[in-house]
Amino acid sequence: MRFFFAGKWNNPFDLSSKTWWFLILSGLATGASWLCYFRALQIGDASKVAPVDKFSLVLVALFAFLFLDERPSVREWTGIFMVGSGILIIAFKR
């Protein structure tokens, strides 16, 4: 609602057909991802499934760096490294 009052509202029906297709495909991919995640939780231990899911954060940061020219600060890289390290510690505990 605040976007409307701030004058930043855009009518979603003004989006191009290409944008709509990407939104639809993104929604389908997201739904499929959640179905796969919950299926993995049904057949596997949550302590083994969750690290695989959380590793996507590290991959997104790396892809943003490589393909989108984003340049995280040292503080952000430290956080990404800490998340990745924690994921590996959890995933490979014995």
N, C-alpha and C. Protein backbone atom coordinates (compact mmCIF):
# COMPACT_ATOMS: atom_id res chain seq x y z
N MET A 1 0.80 -1.18 0.00
CA MET A 1 0.00 0.00 0.00
C MET A 1 0.86 1.26 0.00
N ARG A 2 1.98 1.22 0.71
CA ARG A 2 2.79 2.43 0.77
C ARG A 2 3.40 2.78 -0.58
N PHE A 3 3.62 1.75 -1.46
CA PHE A 3 4.13 2.05 -2.80
C PHE A 3 3.12 2.89 -3.58
N PHE A 4 1.86 2.60 -3.36
CA PHE A 4 0.81 3.36 -4.04
C PHE A 4 0.83 4.81 -3.60
N PHE A 5 0.90 5.03 -2.30
CA PHE A 5 0.87 6.40 -1.78
C PHE A 5 2.19 7.14 -2.03
N ALA A 6 3.28 6.40 -2.19
CA ALA A 6 4.57 7.04 -2.45
C ALA A 6 4.76 7.35 -3.94
N GLY A 7 3.79 6.96 -4.74
CA GLY A 7 3.89 7.21 -6.17
C GLY A 7 4.79 6.24 -6.91
N LYS A 8 5.09 5.10 -6.31
CA LYS A 8 5.97 4.12 -6.92
C LYS A 8 5.21 2.91 -7.45
N TRP A 9 3.92 2.98 -7.47
CA TRP A 9 3.10 1.86 -7.91
C TRP A 9 3.17 1.72 -9.42
N ASN A 10 3.36 0.51 -9.90
CA ASN A 10 3.31 0.19 -11.32
C ASN A 10 2.22 -0.84 -11.52
N ASN A 11 1.42 -0.65 -12.51
CA ASN A 11 0.35 -1.59 -12.82
C ASN A 11 0.96 -2.89 -13.34
N PRO A 12 0.69 -4.03 -12.69
CA PRO A 12 1.28 -5.29 -13.13
C PRO A 12 0.81 -5.71 -14.51
N PHE A 13 -0.33 -5.19 -14.96
CA PHE A 13 -0.82 -5.54 -16.29
C PHE A 13 -0.04 -4.82 -17.39
N ASP A 14 0.81 -3.87 -17.01
CA ASP A 14 1.64 -3.17 -17.98
C ASP A 14 2.96 -3.91 -18.25
N LEU A 15 3.19 -5.02 -17.56
CA LEU A 15 4.42 -5.79 -17.76
C LEU A 15 4.39 -6.45 -19.13
N SER A 16 5.56 -6.63 -19.71
CA SER A 16 5.64 -7.28 -21.02
C SER A 16 5.33 -8.77 -20.88
N SER A 17 4.98 -9.38 -22.01
CA SER A 17 4.67 -10.82 -21.97
C SER A 17 5.91 -11.62 -21.59
N LYS A 18 7.09 -11.15 -21.99
CA LYS A 18 8.34 -11.84 -21.62
C LYS A 18 8.51 -11.84 -20.11
N THR A 19 8.24 -10.70 -19.48
CA THR A 19 8.34 -10.60 -18.02
C THR A 19 7.34 -11.52 -17.36
N TRP A 20 6.12 -11.59 -17.86
CA TRP A 20 5.11 -12.49 -17.30
C TRP A 20 5.56 -13.95 -17.39
N TRP A 21 6.14 -14.32 -18.54
CA TRP A 21 6.61 -15.69 -18.69
C TRP A 21 7.71 -16.02 -17.69
N PHE A 22 8.62 -15.08 -17.48
CA PHE A 22 9.67 -15.32 -16.49
C PHE A 22 9.09 -15.42 -15.08
N LEU A 23 8.09 -14.61 -14.77
CA LEU A 23 7.44 -14.70 -13.46
C LEU A 23 6.74 -16.05 -13.28
N ILE A 24 6.06 -16.50 -14.31
CA ILE A 24 5.36 -17.79 -14.24
C ILE A 24 6.36 -18.93 -14.09
N LEU A 25 7.43 -18.91 -14.91
CA LEU A 25 8.44 -19.96 -14.82
C LEU A 25 9.16 -19.93 -13.47
N SER A 26 9.40 -18.74 -12.96
CA SER A 26 10.03 -18.61 -11.64
C SER A 26 9.14 -19.20 -10.56
N GLY A 27 7.85 -18.93 -10.64
CA GLY A 27 6.90 -19.49 -9.67
C GLY A 27 6.86 -21.00 -9.74
N LEU A 28 6.87 -21.56 -10.94
CA LEU A 28 6.86 -23.02 -11.09
C LEU A 28 8.15 -23.63 -10.56
N ALA A 29 9.27 -23.00 -10.84
CA ALA A 29 10.55 -23.51 -10.34
C ALA A 29 10.61 -23.45 -8.82
N THR A 30 10.08 -22.37 -8.25
CA THR A 30 10.06 -22.24 -6.79
C THR A 30 9.18 -23.31 -6.17
N GLY A 31 8.01 -23.54 -6.76
CA GLY A 31 7.13 -24.58 -6.25
C GLY A 31 7.76 -25.96 -6.33
N ALA A 32 8.41 -26.24 -7.46
CA ALA A 32 9.09 -27.54 -7.62
C ALA A 32 10.23 -27.68 -6.61
N SER A 33 10.92 -26.60 -6.36
CA SER A 33 12.01 -26.61 -5.39
C SER A 33 11.50 -26.97 -4.00
N TRP A 34 10.41 -26.36 -3.58
CA TRP A 34 9.85 -26.66 -2.27
C TRP A 34 9.34 -28.09 -2.19
N LEU A 35 8.73 -28.58 -3.25
CA LEU A 35 8.27 -29.97 -3.25
C LEU A 35 9.45 -30.93 -3.11
N CYS A 36 10.53 -30.65 -3.82
CA CYS A 36 11.73 -31.49 -3.71
C CYS A 36 12.34 -31.40 -2.32
N TYR A 37 12.34 -30.20 -1.75
CA TYR A 37 12.91 -30.01 -0.41
C TYR A 37 12.12 -30.82 0.62
N PHE A 38 10.79 -30.72 0.57
CA PHE A 38 9.99 -31.46 1.55
C PHE A 38 10.04 -32.96 1.31
N ARG A 39 10.17 -33.38 0.07
CA ARG A 39 10.34 -34.81 -0.21
C ARG A 39 11.68 -35.30 0.36
N ALA A 40 12.72 -34.49 0.20
CA ALA A 40 14.02 -34.86 0.77
C ALA A 40 13.93 -34.95 2.28
N LEU A 41 13.17 -34.04 2.90
CA LEU A 41 13.01 -34.11 4.35
C LEU A 41 12.25 -35.37 4.78
N GLN A 42 11.33 -35.83 3.94
CA GLN A 42 10.59 -37.05 4.26
C GLN A 42 11.48 -38.28 4.22
N ILE A 43 12.40 -38.32 3.29
CA ILE A 43 13.20 -39.55 3.12
C ILE A 43 14.58 -39.47 3.74
N GLY A 44 15.00 -38.27 4.17
CA GLY A 44 16.34 -38.13 4.73
C GLY A 44 16.31 -37.38 6.05
N ASP A 45 17.42 -37.37 6.71
CA ASP A 45 17.55 -36.64 7.96
C ASP A 45 17.61 -35.14 7.68
N ALA A 46 16.89 -34.38 8.49
CA ALA A 46 16.89 -32.92 8.33
C ALA A 46 18.30 -32.36 8.49
N SER A 47 19.10 -32.99 9.33
CA SER A 47 20.47 -32.51 9.55
C SER A 47 21.35 -32.69 8.32
N LYS A 48 20.91 -33.53 7.38
CA LYS A 48 21.66 -33.71 6.14
C LYS A 48 21.04 -32.96 4.98
N VAL A 49 19.74 -32.74 5.05
CA VAL A 49 19.03 -32.05 3.97
C VAL A 49 19.22 -30.54 4.07
N ALA A 50 19.11 -30.00 5.27
CA ALA A 50 19.17 -28.55 5.46
C ALA A 50 20.48 -27.93 4.98
N PRO A 51 21.63 -28.54 5.25
CA PRO A 51 22.87 -27.92 4.76
C PRO A 51 22.92 -27.79 3.24
N VAL A 52 22.38 -28.75 2.54
CA VAL A 52 22.35 -28.67 1.08
C VAL A 52 21.50 -27.49 0.65
N ASP A 53 20.37 -27.29 1.31
CA ASP A 53 19.49 -26.17 1.00
C ASP A 53 20.17 -24.84 1.31
N LYS A 54 20.81 -24.74 2.44
CA LYS A 54 21.44 -23.48 2.85
C LYS A 54 22.67 -23.14 2.04
N PHE A 55 23.27 -24.13 1.41
CA PHE A 55 24.45 -23.87 0.59
C PHE A 55 24.09 -23.00 -0.62
N SER A 56 22.80 -22.92 -0.95
CA SER A 56 22.38 -22.08 -2.06
C SER A 56 22.76 -20.62 -1.81
N LEU A 57 22.80 -20.19 -0.55
CA LEU A 57 23.20 -18.83 -0.23
C LEU A 57 24.62 -18.55 -0.73
N VAL A 58 25.51 -19.49 -0.51
CA VAL A 58 26.89 -19.34 -0.96
C VAL A 58 26.95 -19.31 -2.48
N LEU A 59 26.19 -20.19 -3.12
CA LEU A 59 26.18 -20.23 -4.58
C LEU A 59 25.63 -18.94 -5.17
N VAL A 60 24.58 -18.40 -4.58
CA VAL A 60 24.01 -17.14 -5.08
C VAL A 60 25.05 -16.02 -4.98
N ALA A 61 25.77 -15.97 -3.87
CA ALA A 61 26.80 -14.94 -3.72
C ALA A 61 27.90 -15.10 -4.77
N LEU A 62 28.32 -16.32 -5.01
CA LEU A 62 29.36 -16.55 -6.01
C LEU A 62 28.87 -16.23 -7.43
N PHE A 63 27.65 -16.65 -7.76
CA PHE A 63 27.10 -16.35 -9.09
C PHE A 63 26.91 -14.85 -9.27
N ALA A 64 26.48 -14.16 -8.23
CA ALA A 64 26.31 -12.70 -8.32
C ALA A 64 27.66 -12.04 -8.58
N PHE A 65 28.70 -12.55 -7.94
CA PHE A 65 30.05 -12.02 -8.15
C PHE A 65 30.53 -12.30 -9.58
N LEU A 66 30.34 -13.54 -10.03
CA LEU A 66 30.87 -13.95 -11.33
C LEU A 66 30.09 -13.39 -12.52
N PHE A 67 28.76 -13.36 -12.40
CA PHE A 67 27.95 -13.03 -13.57
C PHE A 67 27.24 -11.68 -13.50
N LEU A 68 27.05 -11.14 -12.31
CA LEU A 68 26.31 -9.88 -12.18
C LEU A 68 27.19 -8.72 -11.75
N ASP A 69 28.48 -8.96 -11.67
CA ASP A 69 29.45 -7.94 -11.30
C ASP A 69 29.18 -7.30 -9.94
N GLU A 70 28.59 -8.06 -9.03
CA GLU A 70 28.44 -7.55 -7.66
C GLU A 70 29.76 -7.72 -6.93
N ARG A 71 30.08 -6.79 -6.12
CA ARG A 71 31.34 -6.82 -5.39
C ARG A 71 31.07 -6.68 -3.89
N PRO A 72 30.87 -7.83 -3.21
CA PRO A 72 30.64 -7.77 -1.76
C PRO A 72 31.85 -7.18 -1.04
N SER A 73 31.57 -6.54 0.08
CA SER A 73 32.63 -5.97 0.91
C SER A 73 33.34 -7.10 1.66
N VAL A 74 34.44 -6.76 2.30
CA VAL A 74 35.18 -7.74 3.10
C VAL A 74 34.26 -8.31 4.18
N ARG A 75 33.48 -7.45 4.80
CA ARG A 75 32.54 -7.91 5.83
C ARG A 75 31.53 -8.91 5.27
N GLU A 76 31.02 -8.64 4.06
CA GLU A 76 30.06 -9.55 3.45
C GLU A 76 30.71 -10.87 3.05
N TRP A 77 31.93 -10.81 2.50
CA TRP A 77 32.65 -12.04 2.16
C TRP A 77 32.92 -12.87 3.42
N THR A 78 33.22 -12.18 4.51
CA THR A 78 33.45 -12.89 5.78
C THR A 78 32.19 -13.63 6.20
N GLY A 79 31.05 -12.98 6.08
CA GLY A 79 29.78 -13.63 6.42
C GLY A 79 29.48 -14.81 5.51
N ILE A 80 29.72 -14.63 4.23
CA ILE A 80 29.50 -15.72 3.27
C ILE A 80 30.42 -16.89 3.59
N PHE A 81 31.68 -16.59 3.89
CA PHE A 81 32.64 -17.64 4.26
C PHE A 81 32.20 -18.36 5.54
N MET A 82 31.72 -17.60 6.52
CA MET A 82 31.29 -18.21 7.78
C MET A 82 30.07 -19.11 7.58
N VAL A 83 29.13 -18.67 6.76
CA VAL A 83 27.96 -19.51 6.46
C VAL A 83 28.40 -20.78 5.75
N GLY A 84 29.26 -20.63 4.73
CA GLY A 84 29.75 -21.80 4.01
C GLY A 84 30.51 -22.75 4.91
N SER A 85 31.34 -22.22 5.79
CA SER A 85 32.09 -23.06 6.73
C SER A 85 31.15 -23.80 7.67
N GLY A 86 30.16 -23.10 8.16
CA GLY A 86 29.19 -23.74 9.06
C GLY A 86 28.42 -24.85 8.36
N ILE A 87 28.06 -24.61 7.11
CA ILE A 87 27.36 -25.63 6.33
C ILE A 87 28.23 -26.87 6.18
N LEU A 88 29.50 -26.66 5.84
CA LEU A 88 30.40 -27.81 5.66
C LEU A 88 30.63 -28.56 6.96
N ILE A 89 30.74 -27.84 8.07
CA ILE A 89 30.92 -28.48 9.38
C ILE A 89 29.72 -29.35 9.72
N ILE A 90 28.53 -28.83 9.48
CA ILE A 90 27.30 -29.59 9.75
C ILE A 90 27.18 -30.77 8.81
N ALA A 91 27.47 -30.54 7.52
CA ALA A 91 27.29 -31.59 6.52
C ALA A 91 28.24 -32.76 6.71
N PHE A 92 29.45 -32.48 7.18
CA PHE A 92 30.46 -33.54 7.27
C PHE A 92 30.77 -33.98 8.68
N LYS A 93 29.88 -33.65 9.63
CA LYS A 93 30.12 -34.09 11.01
C LYS A 93 29.96 -35.61 11.09
N ARG A 94 30.75 -36.22 11.95
CA ARG A 94 30.64 -37.69 12.11
C ARG A 94 30.78 -38.05 13.55
